[in-house]
Every structure is written in C-alpha cells, then in structure tokens.
Amino acid sequence: MGEQAMGAAIEASLFLLMIVLAVVIARLRSLFAAAMLFGIFSLLAAGMQTMMDAVDVAFTEAAVGAGISTVLFLGALGLTTSNETRPLHHRVIGLAVVTATGLLLAYGTLDMPAYGDPNAPIHRHVAPHYLVDSSAEIGIPNVVTSVLASYRGYDTYGETTVVLTAAVGAILLLGGFVTRSGDPDRRDGDGEGA
C-alpha cells in the first residue's frame, strides 16, 4: 500500500511538472529555451511512462523526444533566429483550439478502463492468452520474447527503426557540428583543396 501511494505521488508530481512546463514553453519567446524545455518535457513523459510500466514506450520517448528532437531543434535554430517573432494572429484563437482539442481528447478517454484496473479487457483476454498459448503457437518458451518478436513484432520493428533512425540522425548532426567547429587547420586544408 505504501508503494502504491508513493507511485501515485510520483506520477502526480511528474504530471504536474509536465503541465507547468507546457505552460512555460507556450509563453516563452526564446526558441533555444523552449527547445531545452521540450527535451526536459520528454524526459518527464518518459518517466511517467516508466511509472505506468510502459518501459519500451518510455525508451522510445527518451531517445526520440529528448534525444533526436532536441538535436533537430538546435540544428534548426542554427539556421534561423533564436527568438520567436510576434504572431500575426491573435493568441486567443490558438488557446481556444488547444483547449477544445484537449477537452475532446479527455472526453475520448471516458470509456477507457480505469488505470491499473485488473478487470480491464487487456488483463482478461490478451494477457492470459499469451501466458497459456504462446509456447504452443510460437514455439518460444519465453513469453516476453514471443510477445515482442511475434505477437507484436511489427510494433517492435517500428520502434527499433525509430530508435535506429534517431541514433543515425544524431550521429550525422553531431558529426557535422564537430566538423564545422573543429580543427581550424583541417577547415583551412578543406578550403585549399576545394
């Protein structure tokens, strides 16, 4: 019971921090600060997903949201200004659209089972099927491996592709940055050879 209360307190704290960060990011004019806070927001989201036992989703969120997205934001900032220009439209319209979208999304969750409900369909239908029948259907004694590699193999393939793409993109961007800001002799040499 103590662990459940602690988990609920951590989740509530992460959720509150995410809301505060979202409001701060929406009010910022500095694009560099917004990019950095977006990375922190993604790390908080990854922590929230870890608390909800969605570790694979948390890993993808940390790699893509906090990793490659931050690098891409910084790369884009290198090509433009670091401050937001004054918007041409009124901000009230944007606020109304975001509020309506949020309310619609919240309304869409009303039919979902309660968080952690042991009687949720996923716990009464899919999970028992995996535990009982996976060995006979897939031929792999480890249930986790059979789920990741077969039942939801396309999802695992997609996640692996996303993480690999993020890693390659980060390596390419950071490699280009190191080359541009690196050894001046090398740059001079490159210029002479061109």
Foldseek 3Di string as FASTA:
>chain_A
DVVVVVLVVLLVVLVVVLVVLVVVLVPFFFLLVNLQSQLVSLLSVLVNCVSLVNNLVSVLSNLVRNFLSSLVSVVVCVVDPRGHDDDPDDVVVVVVVVVVVVVVVVVVCPPADDRPDCPGCCNVPVVVCLVPCQCVPPVDPDSVCSCCCPVPNVVNVVSVVSNVVSVVSNCVSVVVVCVVPDDVVVVVVVVVVD
